Amino acid sequence: MSMAVADCVVLLASVPNEILYYYLVGNLWIWGDVGCAGFIFFQNLGINASSLSLVAFTVERYIAICHPLKAHTVCTNLYQYHALHGIPPCSVLTRSLSGVLLQLSRARRIVYGVWVFATVYCCPWLGLTTTRLLGYKGYPGARSCDFKLPRHHYLAYFFADLVVFYVLPLIISCVLYGLITRVLFTRRFGVNKSNNRLQGNATASKSSSKDQA
């Protein structure tokens, strides 16, 4: 559900304006200053929330597969329900929370945490965009959606986006899925060895019984 909402946010904040570009002159912006800030904000919000949701799913799968005993205490009892509905059933919040948060499932808490963090992180975009006059002949009031400051002032923000929402999730996902793969292969080979051992013991017992007979 969280990823579906994030994808819909990106879709609604990107596609309508892209379609309008086919019928508008150049970079003509018709949504005003508020629309400029809102479109940029929701585009980044959807992408960042989707990335964080993927990390939450990866951590949940790792705990459920590699630490199944711990999963009973860390994850909710509604794991299968939440997994089917796309909600990560694990939460990084501690048990010391009180009030309303304690009444919510851990799945809802982590989803809320993902969206709150993404929203707070993307809030600066509400003040970092503006509309500028294009100066087209015949279009005296034509404006475009642009950065409020020169682009080099945004390098730190763009770099933080790259690290927090791409590099770190990629590293975490690769490491955790590598550990999951190792555990699954180890368990599979362990089961095969135990089965072969049982078959060998059964064959040996049969042969010893025949010798005694």
C-alpha atoms as a PDB file:
ATOM      1  CA  MET A   1       0.000   0.000   0.000  1.00  0.00           C
ATOM      2  CA  SER A   2       2.796   2.410   0.881  1.00  0.00           C
ATOM      3  CA  MET A   3       4.631   1.855  -2.386  1.00  0.00           C
ATOM      4  CA  ALA A   4       1.387   2.049  -4.355  1.00  0.00           C
ATOM      5  CA  VAL A   5       0.597   5.446  -2.821  1.00  0.00           C
ATOM      6  CA  ALA A   6       4.156   6.650  -3.479  1.00  0.00           C
ATOM      7  CA  ASP A   7       3.964   5.586  -7.129  1.00  0.00           C
ATOM      8  CA  CYS A   8       0.582   7.296  -7.522  1.00  0.00           C
ATOM      9  CA  VAL A   9       2.000  10.506  -6.045  1.00  0.00           C
ATOM     10  CA  VAL A  10       4.841  10.486  -8.568  1.00  0.00           C
ATOM     11  CA  LEU A  11       2.404   9.677 -11.368  1.00  0.00           C
ATOM     12  CA  LEU A  12       0.012  12.500 -10.528  1.00  0.00           C
ATOM     13  CA  ALA A  13       2.840  15.004 -10.011  1.00  0.00           C
ATOM     14  CA  SER A  14       4.631  14.193 -13.267  1.00  0.00           C
ATOM     15  CA  VAL A  15       2.377  12.853 -15.991  1.00  0.00           C
ATOM     16  CA  PRO A  16      -0.264  15.644 -16.279  1.00  0.00           C
ATOM     17  CA  ASN A  17       2.352  18.337 -16.717  1.00  0.00           C
ATOM     18  CA  GLU A  18       4.312  16.240 -19.222  1.00  0.00           C
ATOM     19  CA  ILE A  19       1.155  15.762 -21.271  1.00  0.00           C
ATOM     20  CA  LEU A  20       0.483  19.511 -21.224  1.00  0.00           C
ATOM     21  CA  TYR A  21       3.995  20.197 -22.541  1.00  0.00           C
ATOM     22  CA  TYR A  22       2.895  18.748 -25.875  1.00  0.00           C
ATOM     23  CA  TYR A  23       0.290  21.506 -26.205  1.00  0.00           C
ATOM     24  CA  LEU A  24       2.092  24.444 -24.565  1.00  0.00           C
ATOM     25  CA  VAL A  25       4.758  26.768 -25.908  1.00  0.00           C
ATOM     26  CA  GLY A  26       8.252  25.876 -24.757  1.00  0.00           C
ATOM     27  CA  ASN A  27       8.562  25.645 -20.966  1.00  0.00           C
ATOM     28  CA  LEU A  28       5.372  27.583 -20.331  1.00  0.00           C
ATOM     29  CA  TRP A  29       4.131  27.001 -16.780  1.00  0.00           C
ATOM     30  CA  ILE A  30       0.437  27.509 -16.080  1.00  0.00           C
ATOM     31  CA  TRP A  31       0.154  26.354 -12.457  1.00  0.00           C
ATOM     32  CA  GLY A  32       1.669  29.406 -10.741  1.00  0.00           C
ATOM     33  CA  ASP A  33       4.204  29.580  -7.911  1.00  0.00           C
ATOM     34  CA  VAL A  34       2.208  27.291  -5.625  1.00  0.00           C
ATOM     35  CA  GLY A  35       1.851  24.695  -8.342  1.00  0.00           C
ATOM     36  CA  CYS A  36       5.558  24.872  -9.148  1.00  0.00           C
ATOM     37  CA  ALA A  37       6.523  24.209  -5.531  1.00  0.00           C
ATOM     38  CA  GLY A  38       3.847  21.554  -5.114  1.00  0.00           C
ATOM     39  CA  PHE A  39       4.753  19.579  -8.225  1.00  0.00           C
ATOM     40  CA  ILE A  40       8.458  19.470  -7.346  1.00  0.00           C
ATOM     41  CA  PHE A  41       7.685  18.625  -3.721  1.00  0.00           C
ATOM     42  CA  PHE A  42       5.346  15.729  -4.521  1.00  0.00           C
ATOM     43  CA  GLN A  43       7.658  14.308  -7.175  1.00  0.00           C
ATOM     44  CA  ASN A  44      10.526  14.082  -4.694  1.00  0.00           C
ATOM     45  CA  LEU A  45       8.215  12.909  -1.910  1.00  0.00           C
ATOM     46  CA  GLY A  46       6.901   9.957  -3.922  1.00  0.00           C
ATOM     47  CA  ILE A  47      10.352   8.859  -5.089  1.00  0.00           C
ATOM     48  CA  ASN A  48      11.910   9.110  -1.629  1.00  0.00           C
ATOM     49  CA  ALA A  49       9.008   7.366   0.120  1.00  0.00           C
ATOM     50  CA  SER A  50       9.159   4.543  -2.420  1.00  0.00           C
ATOM     51  CA  SER A  51      12.885   4.086  -1.815  1.00  0.00           C
ATOM     52  CA  LEU A  52      12.436   3.979   1.970  1.00  0.00           C
ATOM     53  CA  SER A  53       9.558   1.518   1.631  1.00  0.00           C
ATOM     54  CA  LEU A  54      11.767  -0.829  -0.372  1.00  0.00           C
ATOM     55  CA  VAL A  55      14.373  -0.709   2.378  1.00  0.00           C
ATOM     56  CA  ALA A  56      11.693  -1.516   4.964  1.00  0.00           C
ATOM     57  CA  PHE A  57      10.544  -4.537   2.936  1.00  0.00           C
ATOM     58  CA  THR A  58      14.131  -5.739   2.596  1.00  0.00           C
ATOM     59  CA  VAL A  59      14.800  -5.490   6.326  1.00  0.00           C
ATOM     60  CA  GLU A  60      11.557  -7.356   7.050  1.00  0.00           C
ATOM     61  CA  ARG A  61      12.429 -10.190   4.672  1.00  0.00           C
ATOM     62  CA  TYR A  62      15.904 -10.442   6.179  1.00  0.00           C
ATOM     63  CA  ILE A  63      14.567 -10.707   9.720  1.00  0.00           C
ATOM     64  CA  ALA A  64      11.847 -13.181   8.751  1.00  0.00           C
ATOM     65  CA  ILE A  65      14.233 -15.499   6.867  1.00  0.00           C
ATOM     66  CA  CYS A  66      17.551 -15.165   8.660  1.00  0.00           C
ATOM     67  CA  HIS A  67      16.233 -14.626  12.198  1.00  0.00           C
ATOM     68  CA  PRO A  68      12.845 -16.367  12.326  1.00  0.00           C
ATOM     69  CA  LEU A  69      12.811 -16.586  16.131  1.00  0.00           C
ATOM     70  CA  LYS A  70      13.469 -12.876  16.481  1.00  0.00           C
ATOM     71  CA  ALA A  71      10.774 -12.173  13.903  1.00  0.00           C
ATOM     72  CA  HIS A  72       8.121 -13.288  16.395  1.00  0.00           C
ATOM     73  CA  THR A  73       9.064 -10.440  18.711  1.00  0.00           C
ATOM     74  CA  VAL A  74      10.107  -7.815  16.157  1.00  0.00           C
ATOM     75  CA  CYS A  75       7.400  -8.352  13.560  1.00  0.00           C
ATOM     76  CA  THR A  76       3.666  -8.251  13.902  1.00  0.00           C
ATOM     77  CA  ASN A  77       1.454 -11.289  14.083  1.00  0.00           C
ATOM     78  CA  LEU A  78      -0.291 -10.046  10.948  1.00  0.00           C
ATOM     79  CA  TYR A  79       2.777 -10.631   8.756  1.00  0.00           C
ATOM     80  CA  GLN A  80       0.968 -12.500   5.990  1.00  0.00           C
ATOM     81  CA  TYR A  81      -1.863  -9.960   5.838  1.00  0.00           C
ATOM     82  CA  HIS A  82       0.468  -6.980   5.660  1.00  0.00           C
ATOM     83  CA  ALA A  83       2.769  -8.692   3.157  1.00  0.00           C
ATOM     84  CA  LEU A  84      -0.154  -9.337   0.826  1.00  0.00           C
ATOM     85  CA  HIS A  85      -1.205  -5.696   1.074  1.00  0.00           C
ATOM     86  CA  GLY A  86       2.295  -4.325   0.556  1.00  0.00           C
ATOM     87  CA  ILE A  87       2.766  -3.032   4.122  1.00  0.00           C
ATOM     88  CA  PRO A  88       6.063  -3.814   5.853  1.00  0.00           C
ATOM     89  CA  PRO A  89       5.143  -5.581   9.118  1.00  0.00           C
ATOM     90  CA  CYS A  90       8.302  -4.574  10.957  1.00  0.00           C
ATOM     91  CA  SER A  91       8.972  -1.410  12.831  1.00  0.00           C
ATOM     92  CA  VAL A  92      12.176   0.232  13.994  1.00  0.00           C
ATOM     93  CA  LEU A  93      10.340   2.019  16.792  1.00  0.00           C
ATOM     94  CA  THR A  94      10.960   0.854  20.322  1.00  0.00           C
ATOM     95  CA  ARG A  95       8.402  -0.469  22.758  1.00  0.00           C
ATOM     96  CA  SER A  96       8.718   2.612  24.936  1.00  0.00           C
ATOM     97  CA  LEU A  97       6.253   4.555  22.823  1.00  0.00           C
ATOM     98  CA  SER A  98       3.017   5.310  24.586  1.00  0.00           C
ATOM     99  CA  GLY A  99      -0.426   6.598  23.849  1.00  0.00           C
ATOM    100  CA  VAL A 100      -1.877   6.278  20.405  1.00  0.00           C
ATOM    101  CA  LEU A 101       1.311   4.899  18.855  1.00  0.00           C
ATOM    102  CA  LEU A 102       1.192   1.855  21.097  1.00  0.00           C
ATOM    103  CA  GLN A 103      -2.318   1.108  19.862  1.00  0.00           C
ATOM    104  CA  LEU A 104      -1.183   1.119  16.252  1.00  0.00           C
ATOM    105  CA  SER A 105       0.386  -1.920  14.679  1.00  0.00           C
ATOM    106  CA  ARG A 106       4.095  -1.807  14.063  1.00  0.00           C
ATOM    107  CA  ALA A 107       3.436  -2.022  10.351  1.00  0.00           C
ATOM    108  CA  ARG A 108       1.445   1.200  10.428  1.00  0.00           C
ATOM    109  CA  ARG A 109       4.060   2.877  12.568  1.00  0.00           C
ATOM    110  CA  ILE A 110       6.884   2.152  10.175  1.00  0.00           C
ATOM    111  CA  VAL A 111       4.789   3.292   7.211  1.00  0.00           C
ATOM    112  CA  TYR A 112       3.962   6.510   9.056  1.00  0.00           C
ATOM    113  CA  GLY A 113       7.633   6.921   9.950  1.00  0.00           C
ATOM    114  CA  VAL A 114       8.683   6.504   6.318  1.00  0.00           C
ATOM    115  CA  TRP A 115       6.214   9.129   5.114  1.00  0.00           C
ATOM    116  CA  VAL A 116       6.936  11.573   7.943  1.00  0.00           C
ATOM    117  CA  PHE A 117      10.686  11.392   7.302  1.00  0.00           C
ATOM    118  CA  ALA A 118      10.236  11.738   3.544  1.00  0.00           C
ATOM    119  CA  THR A 119       7.848  14.663   4.009  1.00  0.00           C
ATOM    120  CA  VAL A 120      10.160  16.530   6.386  1.00  0.00           C
ATOM    121  CA  TYR A 121      13.139  15.879   4.130  1.00  0.00           C
ATOM    122  CA  CYS A 122      11.323  17.193   1.040  1.00  0.00           C
ATOM    123  CA  CYS A 123       9.812  20.270   2.727  1.00  0.00           C
ATOM    124  CA  PRO A 124      12.694  22.581   1.657  1.00  0.00           C
ATOM    125  CA  TRP A 125      11.540  22.195  -1.951  1.00  0.00           C
ATOM    126  CA  LEU A 126       8.475  24.232  -1.058  1.00  0.00           C
ATOM    127  CA  GLY A 127      10.731  27.254  -0.770  1.00  0.00           C
ATOM    128  CA  LEU A 128      13.444  26.420  -3.285  1.00  0.00           C
ATOM    129  CA  THR A 129      11.408  26.879  -6.469  1.00  0.00           C
ATOM    130  CA  THR A 130       9.895  29.852  -8.231  1.00  0.00           C
ATOM    131  CA  THR A 131       8.495  30.927 -11.590  1.00  0.00           C
ATOM    132  CA  ARG A 132      10.420  33.178 -13.988  1.00  0.00           C
ATOM    133  CA  LEU A 133       9.365  35.190 -17.019  1.00  0.00           C
ATOM    134  CA  LEU A 134      10.278  33.524 -20.298  1.00  0.00           C
ATOM    135  CA  GLY A 135      10.273  36.630 -22.465  1.00  0.00           C
ATOM    136  CA  TYR A 136       8.630  34.964 -25.444  1.00  0.00           C
ATOM    137  CA  LYS A 137       7.337  37.314 -28.118  1.00  0.00           C
ATOM    138  CA  GLY A 138       3.574  37.332 -28.140  1.00  0.00           C
ATOM    139  CA  TYR A 139       3.456  35.792 -24.671  1.00  0.00           C
ATOM    140  CA  PRO A 140       4.181  38.679 -22.298  1.00  0.00           C
ATOM    141  CA  GLY A 141       3.075  36.867 -19.142  1.00  0.00           C
ATOM    142  CA  ALA A 142       4.581  33.450 -19.919  1.00  0.00           C
ATOM    143  CA  ARG A 143       6.492  31.991 -16.997  1.00  0.00           C
ATOM    144  CA  SER A 144       8.465  28.808 -16.359  1.00  0.00           C
ATOM    145  CA  CYS A 145       9.024  26.743 -13.214  1.00  0.00           C
ATOM    146  CA  ASP A 146      12.663  27.045 -12.166  1.00  0.00           C
ATOM    147  CA  PHE A 147      15.037  26.948  -9.217  1.00  0.00           C
ATOM    148  CA  LYS A 148      14.930  30.000  -6.979  1.00  0.00           C
ATOM    149  CA  LEU A 149      18.712  29.980  -6.428  1.00  0.00           C
ATOM    150  CA  PRO A 150      21.596  29.243  -8.821  1.00  0.00           C
ATOM    151  CA  ARG A 151      22.005  25.522  -9.408  1.00  0.00           C
ATOM    152  CA  HIS A 152      25.351  25.220  -7.592  1.00  0.00           C
ATOM    153  CA  HIS A 153      23.559  26.033  -4.318  1.00  0.00           C
ATOM    154  CA  TYR A 154      21.612  22.765  -4.656  1.00  0.00           C
ATOM    155  CA  LEU A 155      24.611  20.457  -5.027  1.00  0.00           C
ATOM    156  CA  ALA A 156      24.643  19.472  -1.349  1.00  0.00           C
ATOM    157  CA  TYR A 157      20.923  18.701  -1.436  1.00  0.00           C
ATOM    158  CA  PHE A 158      21.256  16.654  -4.626  1.00  0.00           C
ATOM    159  CA  PHE A 159      24.222  14.776  -3.177  1.00  0.00           C
ATOM    160  CA  ALA A 160      22.249  14.015  -0.010  1.00  0.00           C
ATOM    161  CA  ASP A 161      19.405  12.700  -2.180  1.00  0.00           C
ATOM    162  CA  LEU A 162      21.819  10.448  -4.038  1.00  0.00           C
ATOM    163  CA  VAL A 163      23.364   9.029  -0.870  1.00  0.00           C
ATOM    164  CA  VAL A 164      20.292   8.704   1.355  1.00  0.00           C
ATOM    165  CA  PHE A 165      17.775   7.478  -1.199  1.00  0.00           C
ATOM    166  CA  TYR A 166      19.911   5.586  -3.708  1.00  0.00           C
ATOM    167  CA  VAL A 167      23.409   4.599  -2.537  1.00  0.00           C
ATOM    168  CA  LEU A 168      22.524   3.553   1.024  1.00  0.00           C
ATOM    169  CA  PRO A 169      19.324   1.653   0.035  1.00  0.00           C
ATOM    170  CA  LEU A 170      21.262  -0.087  -2.739  1.00  0.00           C
ATOM    171  CA  ILE A 171      24.057  -1.154  -0.374  1.00  0.00           C
ATOM    172  CA  ILE A 172      21.613  -2.284   2.324  1.00  0.00           C
ATOM    173  CA  SER A 173      19.532  -4.260  -0.174  1.00  0.00           C
ATOM    174  CA  CYS A 174      22.574  -5.956  -1.727  1.00  0.00           C
ATOM    175  CA  VAL A 175      24.021  -6.935   1.647  1.00  0.00           C
ATOM    176  CA  LEU A 176      20.749  -8.194   3.118  1.00  0.00           C
ATOM    177  CA  TYR A 177      19.715 -10.128   0.006  1.00  0.00           C
ATOM    178  CA  GLY A 178      23.199 -11.640  -0.110  1.00  0.00           C
ATOM    179  CA  LEU A 179      22.766 -12.827   3.481  1.00  0.00           C
ATOM    180  CA  ILE A 180      19.299 -14.147   2.660  1.00  0.00           C
ATOM    181  CA  THR A 181      20.687 -16.097  -0.315  1.00  0.00           C
ATOM    182  CA  ARG A 182      23.463 -17.579   1.804  1.00  0.00           C
ATOM    183  CA  VAL A 183      21.035 -18.677   4.514  1.00  0.00           C
ATOM    184  CA  LEU A 184      18.646 -20.246   2.001  1.00  0.00           C
ATOM    185  CA  PHE A 185      21.420 -22.174   0.245  1.00  0.00           C
ATOM    186  CA  THR A 186      22.890 -23.265   3.571  1.00  0.00           C
ATOM    187  CA  ARG A 187      19.536 -24.571   4.757  1.00  0.00           C
ATOM    188  CA  ARG A 188      18.935 -26.353   1.464  1.00  0.00           C
ATOM    189  CA  PHE A 189      22.291 -28.117   1.521  1.00  0.00           C
ATOM    190  CA  GLY A 190      21.816 -28.908   5.207  1.00  0.00           C
ATOM    191  CA  VAL A 191      18.477 -30.551   4.488  1.00  0.00           C
ATOM    192  CA  ASN A 192      19.972 -32.586   1.637  1.00  0.00           C
ATOM    193  CA  LYS A 193      22.845 -33.748   3.825  1.00  0.00           C
ATOM    194  CA  SER A 194      20.493 -34.753   6.620  1.00  0.00           C
ATOM    195  CA  ASN A 195      18.283 -36.658   4.173  1.00  0.00           C
ATOM    196  CA  ASN A 196      21.281 -38.473   2.717  1.00  0.00           C
ATOM    197  CA  ARG A 197      22.459 -39.316   6.220  1.00  0.00           C
ATOM    198  CA  LEU A 198      19.061 -40.698   7.150  1.00  0.00           C
ATOM    199  CA  GLN A 199      18.950 -42.766   3.982  1.00  0.00           C
ATOM    200  CA  GLY A 200      22.420 -44.102   4.688  1.00  0.00           C
ATOM    201  CA  ASN A 201      21.471 -45.050   8.227  1.00  0.00           C
ATOM    202  CA  ALA A 202      18.333 -46.762   6.982  1.00  0.00           C
ATOM    203  CA  THR A 203      20.326 -48.734   4.391  1.00  0.00           C
ATOM    204  CA  ALA A 204      22.904 -49.731   6.960  1.00  0.00           C
ATOM    205  CA  SER A 205      20.257 -50.929   9.390  1.00  0.00           C
ATOM    206  CA  LYS A 206      18.599 -52.995   6.683  1.00  0.00           C
ATOM    207  CA  SER A 207      21.870 -54.616   5.676  1.00  0.00           C
ATOM    208  CA  SER A 208      22.752 -55.396   9.313  1.00  0.00           C
ATOM    209  CA  SER A 209      19.362 -56.991   9.866  1.00  0.00           C
ATOM    210  CA  LYS A 210      19.842 -59.173   6.795  1.00  0.00           C
ATOM    211  CA  ASP A 211      23.264 -60.256   8.005  1.00  0.00           C
ATOM    212  CA  GLN A 212      21.839 -61.205  11.383  1.00  0.00           C
ATOM    213  CA  ALA A 213      19.068 -63.189   9.685  1.00  0.00           C
END
